[in-house]
Amino acid sequence: MKMKSILCINDHIADLSEQQTEKLIDSLPEWRREQALRYKHLQGRRECAVGYVELLRGLRDCFGINDYPSFTYNEHDKPFLKEHFDLSFSISHCKEAVGCFIADHLCGFDIEFIRKAKPDLVRHTMSPEETDSIFANPFPDIAFTRLWTQKEAVLKLLGTGIVDDLHSVLKPENLQGIEFKTVENPFRNYIYTTAIQL
C-alpha cells in the first residue's frame, strides 16, 4: 500500500491582521483556543492558530477527516492525534511561515527563518565536518539553517525533542529508514525539512 502524506504551508501569516487573527482563534476548539491565548504576543497566537488550521486542511484534503481532533503527548511532548493514532503529524512555525506535515508513517517537520551562522552556535550544534561544510559554503547562513532544519525534523520524527548530542543526529547510522527532503526559499527567508520513517 502506498504511503500517504501531505505538507501544508502558509507563508503569508504576516498578512493576517490582529482582527483576523482574533477571529481565527475564536473559531478553534476550546482547548486549542486556550493554547493560542497563552502566548503574550500576537505573533505567537497567530502561529499557534494557523498551525492548527493547516493541520485541519491536511487532514481534510489528504485523509478525508473533517473533525477537530485533539492532541495527546508522549513523555517528550511529541503530539499525536487522540482520535487518529494511525496518523503522525508535525507542526512547525517561524515568523515567516507556519506548516504542518501529516503522514500515515512516523514523520517530523521543521521550518526556520534563515538565521545567521554564528560561529559559537554552529560549533555547539554541528559536528566538526558539518561546521567545516557550513563555513566553506558561499552562503553559510543558508547552509547552517538547512542542516538545523534537518536535525530538528529527524528529532521530531523520533519524538525525543532536542537532545544533548546534536552533533551526531545526521550520522548515516542514525538515519536508517528515514527519508528527508529539504526546501530552501530564500525569497521568503525560510527553509524547511520533512522527515518520514519508511
C-alpha atoms as a PDB file:
ATOM      1  CA  MET A   1       0.000   0.000   0.000  1.00  0.00           C
ATOM      2  CA  LYS A   2       1.325   3.437  -0.980  1.00  0.00           C
ATOM      3  CA  MET A   3       2.408   5.826   1.773  1.00  0.00           C
ATOM      4  CA  LYS A   4       0.181   8.875   2.159  1.00  0.00           C
ATOM      5  CA  SER A   5       1.463  12.261   3.295  1.00  0.00           C
ATOM      6  CA  ILE A   6       0.728  15.939   2.859  1.00  0.00           C
ATOM      7  CA  LEU A   7       2.564  19.144   3.672  1.00  0.00           C
ATOM      8  CA  CYS A   8       0.531  22.322   4.187  1.00  0.00           C
ATOM      9  CA  ILE A   9       2.374  25.650   4.469  1.00  0.00           C
ATOM     10  CA  ASN A  10       1.106  29.186   4.949  1.00  0.00           C
ATOM     11  CA  ASP A  11       3.837  31.741   4.310  1.00  0.00           C
ATOM     12  CA  HIS A  12       1.544  34.761   4.369  1.00  0.00           C
ATOM     13  CA  ILE A  13       0.851  34.819   8.088  1.00  0.00           C
ATOM     14  CA  ALA A  14       2.180  38.362   8.381  1.00  0.00           C
ATOM     15  CA  ASP A  15      -0.767  39.446   6.208  1.00  0.00           C
ATOM     16  CA  LEU A  16      -3.237  38.431   8.931  1.00  0.00           C
ATOM     17  CA  SER A  17      -4.421  41.499  10.807  1.00  0.00           C
ATOM     18  CA  GLU A  18      -4.993  41.441  14.559  1.00  0.00           C
ATOM     19  CA  GLN A  19      -8.751  41.328  13.947  1.00  0.00           C
ATOM     20  CA  GLN A  20      -8.434  38.415  11.502  1.00  0.00           C
ATOM     21  CA  THR A  21      -6.182  36.572  13.953  1.00  0.00           C
ATOM     22  CA  GLU A  22      -8.693  37.027  16.775  1.00  0.00           C
ATOM     23  CA  LYS A  23     -11.484  35.747  14.537  1.00  0.00           C
ATOM     24  CA  LEU A  24      -9.371  32.725  13.610  1.00  0.00           C
ATOM     25  CA  ILE A  25      -8.625  31.988  17.277  1.00  0.00           C
ATOM     26  CA  ASP A  26     -12.347  32.248  18.107  1.00  0.00           C
ATOM     27  CA  SER A  27     -13.064  29.525  15.510  1.00  0.00           C
ATOM     28  CA  LEU A  28     -10.759  26.990  17.187  1.00  0.00           C
ATOM     29  CA  PRO A  29     -11.850  24.248  19.597  1.00  0.00           C
ATOM     30  CA  GLU A  30     -11.743  25.494  23.184  1.00  0.00           C
ATOM     31  CA  TRP A  31      -8.556  23.596  24.156  1.00  0.00           C
ATOM     32  CA  ARG A  32      -6.615  24.955  21.165  1.00  0.00           C
ATOM     33  CA  ARG A  33      -8.009  28.451  21.678  1.00  0.00           C
ATOM     34  CA  GLU A  34      -6.686  28.333  25.250  1.00  0.00           C
ATOM     35  CA  GLN A  35      -3.270  27.247  23.962  1.00  0.00           C
ATOM     36  CA  ALA A  36      -3.176  30.131  21.487  1.00  0.00           C
ATOM     37  CA  LEU A  37      -4.215  32.682  24.101  1.00  0.00           C
ATOM     38  CA  ARG A  38      -1.372  31.627  26.403  1.00  0.00           C
ATOM     39  CA  TYR A  39       1.002  33.455  24.071  1.00  0.00           C
ATOM     40  CA  LYS A  40       1.555  37.037  25.193  1.00  0.00           C
ATOM     41  CA  HIS A  41       2.218  38.435  21.733  1.00  0.00           C
ATOM     42  CA  LEU A  42       0.071  38.457  18.620  1.00  0.00           C
ATOM     43  CA  GLN A  43       2.723  36.636  16.583  1.00  0.00           C
ATOM     44  CA  GLY A  44       2.718  33.597  18.864  1.00  0.00           C
ATOM     45  CA  ARG A  45      -1.081  33.477  18.914  1.00  0.00           C
ATOM     46  CA  ARG A  46      -1.161  33.739  15.132  1.00  0.00           C
ATOM     47  CA  GLU A  47       1.371  30.923  14.665  1.00  0.00           C
ATOM     48  CA  CYS A  48      -0.473  28.622  17.087  1.00  0.00           C
ATOM     49  CA  ALA A  49      -3.841  29.216  15.405  1.00  0.00           C
ATOM     50  CA  VAL A  50      -2.552  28.888  11.840  1.00  0.00           C
ATOM     51  CA  GLY A  51      -0.648  25.690  12.715  1.00  0.00           C
ATOM     52  CA  TYR A  52      -3.883  24.014  13.787  1.00  0.00           C
ATOM     53  CA  VAL A  53      -5.730  25.305  10.708  1.00  0.00           C
ATOM     54  CA  GLU A  54      -3.018  23.840   8.457  1.00  0.00           C
ATOM     55  CA  LEU A  55      -3.398  20.521  10.306  1.00  0.00           C
ATOM     56  CA  LEU A  56      -7.152  20.593   9.646  1.00  0.00           C
ATOM     57  CA  ARG A  57      -6.550  21.385   5.972  1.00  0.00           C
ATOM     58  CA  GLY A  58      -4.147  18.479   5.542  1.00  0.00           C
ATOM     59  CA  LEU A  59      -6.408  16.026   7.363  1.00  0.00           C
ATOM     60  CA  ARG A  60      -9.337  17.034   5.174  1.00  0.00           C
ATOM     61  CA  ASP A  61      -7.517  17.177   1.823  1.00  0.00           C
ATOM     62  CA  CYS A  62      -5.403  14.020   2.140  1.00  0.00           C
ATOM     63  CA  PHE A  63      -7.217  11.791   4.614  1.00  0.00           C
ATOM     64  CA  GLY A  64     -10.871  12.872   4.348  1.00  0.00           C
ATOM     65  CA  ILE A  65     -11.050  13.738   8.062  1.00  0.00           C
ATOM     66  CA  ASN A  66     -13.352  16.672   8.806  1.00  0.00           C
ATOM     67  CA  ASP A  67     -13.481  16.672  12.603  1.00  0.00           C
ATOM     68  CA  TYR A  68     -11.488  18.804  15.052  1.00  0.00           C
ATOM     69  CA  PRO A  69      -9.000  16.361  16.590  1.00  0.00           C
ATOM     70  CA  SER A  70      -7.435  16.825  19.998  1.00  0.00           C
ATOM     71  CA  PHE A  71      -3.847  16.000  20.956  1.00  0.00           C
ATOM     72  CA  THR A  72      -2.191  13.585  23.312  1.00  0.00           C
ATOM     73  CA  TYR A  73       1.549  13.697  24.053  1.00  0.00           C
ATOM     74  CA  ASN A  74       4.400  11.280  24.695  1.00  0.00           C
ATOM     75  CA  GLU A  75       6.893  11.729  27.541  1.00  0.00           C
ATOM     76  CA  HIS A  76       8.927  14.185  25.413  1.00  0.00           C
ATOM     77  CA  ASP A  77       5.835  16.232  24.448  1.00  0.00           C
ATOM     78  CA  LYS A  78       5.598  14.892  20.892  1.00  0.00           C
ATOM     79  CA  PRO A  79       1.921  15.357  19.977  1.00  0.00           C
ATOM     80  CA  PHE A  80      -0.309  12.687  18.475  1.00  0.00           C
ATOM     81  CA  LEU A  81      -3.895  12.819  17.291  1.00  0.00           C
ATOM     82  CA  LYS A  82      -6.006  11.316  20.064  1.00  0.00           C
ATOM     83  CA  GLU A  83      -8.713  10.183  17.636  1.00  0.00           C
ATOM     84  CA  HIS A  84      -6.381   9.035  14.816  1.00  0.00           C
ATOM     85  CA  PHE A  85      -3.398   7.124  16.231  1.00  0.00           C
ATOM     86  CA  ASP A  86      -2.693   5.656  12.780  1.00  0.00           C
ATOM     87  CA  LEU A  87      -1.502   9.094  11.631  1.00  0.00           C
ATOM     88  CA  SER A  88       1.538  11.137  12.581  1.00  0.00           C
ATOM     89  CA  PHE A  89       1.892  14.891  12.270  1.00  0.00           C
ATOM     90  CA  SER A  90       4.359  17.647  12.988  1.00  0.00           C
ATOM     91  CA  ILE A  91       3.635  21.384  13.183  1.00  0.00           C
ATOM     92  CA  SER A  92       6.389  23.963  12.989  1.00  0.00           C
ATOM     93  CA  HIS A  93       6.480  27.718  12.671  1.00  0.00           C
ATOM     94  CA  CYS A  94       8.755  30.692  12.380  1.00  0.00           C
ATOM     95  CA  LYS A  95       7.972  34.364  11.916  1.00  0.00           C
ATOM     96  CA  GLU A  96       7.781  33.931   8.131  1.00  0.00           C
ATOM     97  CA  ALA A  97       5.681  30.775   7.837  1.00  0.00           C
ATOM     98  CA  VAL A  98       3.715  28.019   9.553  1.00  0.00           C
ATOM     99  CA  GLY A  99       3.429  24.464   8.298  1.00  0.00           C
ATOM    100  CA  CYS A 100       2.104  21.036   9.152  1.00  0.00           C
ATOM    101  CA  PHE A 101       3.311  17.688   7.772  1.00  0.00           C
ATOM    102  CA  ILE A 102       0.944  14.716   8.148  1.00  0.00           C
ATOM    103  CA  ALA A 103       1.592  11.097   7.176  1.00  0.00           C
ATOM    104  CA  ASP A 104       0.435   7.555   7.779  1.00  0.00           C
ATOM    105  CA  HIS A 105       4.029   6.823   8.894  1.00  0.00           C
ATOM    106  CA  LEU A 106       6.024   8.483  11.670  1.00  0.00           C
ATOM    107  CA  CYS A 107       7.079  11.923  10.478  1.00  0.00           C
ATOM    108  CA  GLY A 108       8.757  15.144  11.537  1.00  0.00           C
ATOM    109  CA  PHE A 109       8.844  18.660  10.132  1.00  0.00           C
ATOM    110  CA  ASP A 110      10.774  21.819  10.864  1.00  0.00           C
ATOM    111  CA  ILE A 111      10.660  25.273   9.313  1.00  0.00           C
ATOM    112  CA  GLU A 112      13.066  28.069  10.250  1.00  0.00           C
ATOM    113  CA  PHE A 113      13.830  31.572   9.119  1.00  0.00           C
ATOM    114  CA  ILE A 114      17.303  31.787   7.607  1.00  0.00           C
ATOM    115  CA  ARG A 115      19.431  32.606  10.617  1.00  0.00           C
ATOM    116  CA  LYS A 116      22.960  33.895  10.972  1.00  0.00           C
ATOM    117  CA  ALA A 117      25.603  31.178  11.163  1.00  0.00           C
ATOM    118  CA  LYS A 118      27.259  32.475  14.342  1.00  0.00           C
ATOM    119  CA  PRO A 119      30.479  30.503  14.993  1.00  0.00           C
ATOM    120  CA  ASP A 120      29.663  29.646  18.641  1.00  0.00           C
ATOM    121  CA  LEU A 121      26.157  28.429  17.773  1.00  0.00           C
ATOM    122  CA  VAL A 122      27.407  26.437  14.781  1.00  0.00           C
ATOM    123  CA  ARG A 123      30.113  24.679  16.835  1.00  0.00           C
ATOM    124  CA  HIS A 124      27.614  23.918  19.616  1.00  0.00           C
ATOM    125  CA  THR A 125      25.020  22.338  17.301  1.00  0.00           C
ATOM    126  CA  MET A 126      27.065  20.897  14.436  1.00  0.00           C
ATOM    127  CA  SER A 127      29.731  18.223  14.110  1.00  0.00           C
ATOM    128  CA  PRO A 128      33.231  19.303  13.050  1.00  0.00           C
ATOM    129  CA  GLU A 129      32.518  18.042   9.493  1.00  0.00           C
ATOM    130  CA  GLU A 130      29.217  19.942   9.354  1.00  0.00           C
ATOM    131  CA  THR A 131      30.891  23.059  10.740  1.00  0.00           C
ATOM    132  CA  ASP A 132      33.587  22.896   8.044  1.00  0.00           C
ATOM    133  CA  SER A 133      30.981  22.460   5.317  1.00  0.00           C
ATOM    134  CA  ILE A 134      28.947  25.432   6.588  1.00  0.00           C
ATOM    135  CA  PHE A 135      31.886  27.847   6.613  1.00  0.00           C
ATOM    136  CA  ALA A 136      33.197  26.541   3.280  1.00  0.00           C
ATOM    137  CA  ASN A 137      29.813  27.320   1.710  1.00  0.00           C
ATOM    138  CA  PRO A 138      29.443  30.684  -0.088  1.00  0.00           C
ATOM    139  CA  PHE A 139      26.103  31.056   1.763  1.00  0.00           C
ATOM    140  CA  PRO A 140      26.879  29.883   5.308  1.00  0.00           C
ATOM    141  CA  ASP A 141      23.589  31.149   6.769  1.00  0.00           C
ATOM    142  CA  ILE A 142      21.590  29.003   4.346  1.00  0.00           C
ATOM    143  CA  ALA A 143      23.904  26.005   4.882  1.00  0.00           C
ATOM    144  CA  PHE A 144      23.527  26.275   8.665  1.00  0.00           C
ATOM    145  CA  THR A 145      19.741  26.686   8.611  1.00  0.00           C
ATOM    146  CA  ARG A 146      19.424  23.789   6.161  1.00  0.00           C
ATOM    147  CA  LEU A 147      21.284  21.413   8.496  1.00  0.00           C
ATOM    148  CA  TRP A 148      19.430  22.750  11.549  1.00  0.00           C
ATOM    149  CA  THR A 149      16.011  22.011   9.994  1.00  0.00           C
ATOM    150  CA  GLN A 150      17.187  18.514   9.052  1.00  0.00           C
ATOM    151  CA  LYS A 151      18.240  17.791  12.628  1.00  0.00           C
ATOM    152  CA  GLU A 152      15.015  19.195  14.079  1.00  0.00           C
ATOM    153  CA  ALA A 153      12.830  17.256  11.622  1.00  0.00           C
ATOM    154  CA  VAL A 154      14.581  13.980  12.471  1.00  0.00           C
ATOM    155  CA  LEU A 155      14.328  14.630  16.222  1.00  0.00           C
ATOM    156  CA  LYS A 156      10.628  15.471  15.881  1.00  0.00           C
ATOM    157  CA  LEU A 157      10.080  12.244  13.952  1.00  0.00           C
ATOM    158  CA  LEU A 158      11.836  10.269  16.693  1.00  0.00           C
ATOM    159  CA  GLY A 159       9.801  12.124  19.305  1.00  0.00           C
ATOM    160  CA  THR A 160      12.779  12.825  21.544  1.00  0.00           C
ATOM    161  CA  GLY A 161      12.901  16.605  21.352  1.00  0.00           C
ATOM    162  CA  ILE A 162      16.256  18.389  21.411  1.00  0.00           C
ATOM    163  CA  VAL A 163      18.945  16.009  22.626  1.00  0.00           C
ATOM    164  CA  ASP A 164      22.304  16.702  24.244  1.00  0.00           C
ATOM    165  CA  ASP A 165      24.318  15.225  21.370  1.00  0.00           C
ATOM    166  CA  LEU A 166      23.187  17.342  18.426  1.00  0.00           C
ATOM    167  CA  HIS A 167      26.441  16.604  16.600  1.00  0.00           C
ATOM    168  CA  SER A 168      25.503  13.006  15.750  1.00  0.00           C
ATOM    169  CA  VAL A 169      21.839  13.414  14.721  1.00  0.00           C
ATOM    170  CA  LEU A 170      22.553  13.268  10.980  1.00  0.00           C
ATOM    171  CA  LYS A 171      25.139  10.476  11.041  1.00  0.00           C
ATOM    172  CA  PRO A 172      24.153   7.795   8.483  1.00  0.00           C
ATOM    173  CA  GLU A 173      23.781   5.098  11.152  1.00  0.00           C
ATOM    174  CA  ASN A 174      21.141   7.254  12.892  1.00  0.00           C
ATOM    175  CA  LEU A 175      19.146   7.845   9.697  1.00  0.00           C
ATOM    176  CA  GLN A 176      18.450   4.253   8.655  1.00  0.00           C
ATOM    177  CA  GLY A 177      14.904   4.025   7.353  1.00  0.00           C
ATOM    178  CA  ILE A 178      14.418   7.793   7.473  1.00  0.00           C
ATOM    179  CA  GLU A 179      13.954   9.837   4.317  1.00  0.00           C
ATOM    180  CA  PHE A 180      14.043  13.604   4.401  1.00  0.00           C
ATOM    181  CA  LYS A 181      13.559  16.419   1.955  1.00  0.00           C
ATOM    182  CA  THR A 182      14.763  19.987   2.403  1.00  0.00           C
ATOM    183  CA  VAL A 183      13.459  23.006   0.524  1.00  0.00           C
ATOM    184  CA  GLU A 184      15.125  26.427   0.586  1.00  0.00           C
ATOM    185  CA  ASN A 185      13.046  29.531  -0.030  1.00  0.00           C
ATOM    186  CA  PRO A 186      15.476  32.443   0.314  1.00  0.00           C
ATOM    187  CA  PHE A 187      12.983  34.821  -1.309  1.00  0.00           C
ATOM    188  CA  ARG A 188      10.570  34.259   1.598  1.00  0.00           C
ATOM    189  CA  ASN A 189      13.517  33.877   4.035  1.00  0.00           C
ATOM    190  CA  TYR A 190      12.842  30.340   5.277  1.00  0.00           C
ATOM    191  CA  ILE A 191      13.974  26.736   4.866  1.00  0.00           C
ATOM    192  CA  TYR A 192      12.047  23.598   5.783  1.00  0.00           C
ATOM    193  CA  THR A 193      12.686  19.884   6.045  1.00  0.00           C
ATOM    194  CA  THR A 194      10.245  16.965   6.124  1.00  0.00           C
ATOM    195  CA  ALA A 195      11.366  13.610   7.535  1.00  0.00           C
ATOM    196  CA  ILE A 196       9.450  10.354   7.271  1.00  0.00           C
ATOM    197  CA  GLN A 197      10.033   6.811   8.540  1.00  0.00           C
ATOM    198  CA  LEU A 198       9.890   4.431   5.573  1.00  0.00           C
END
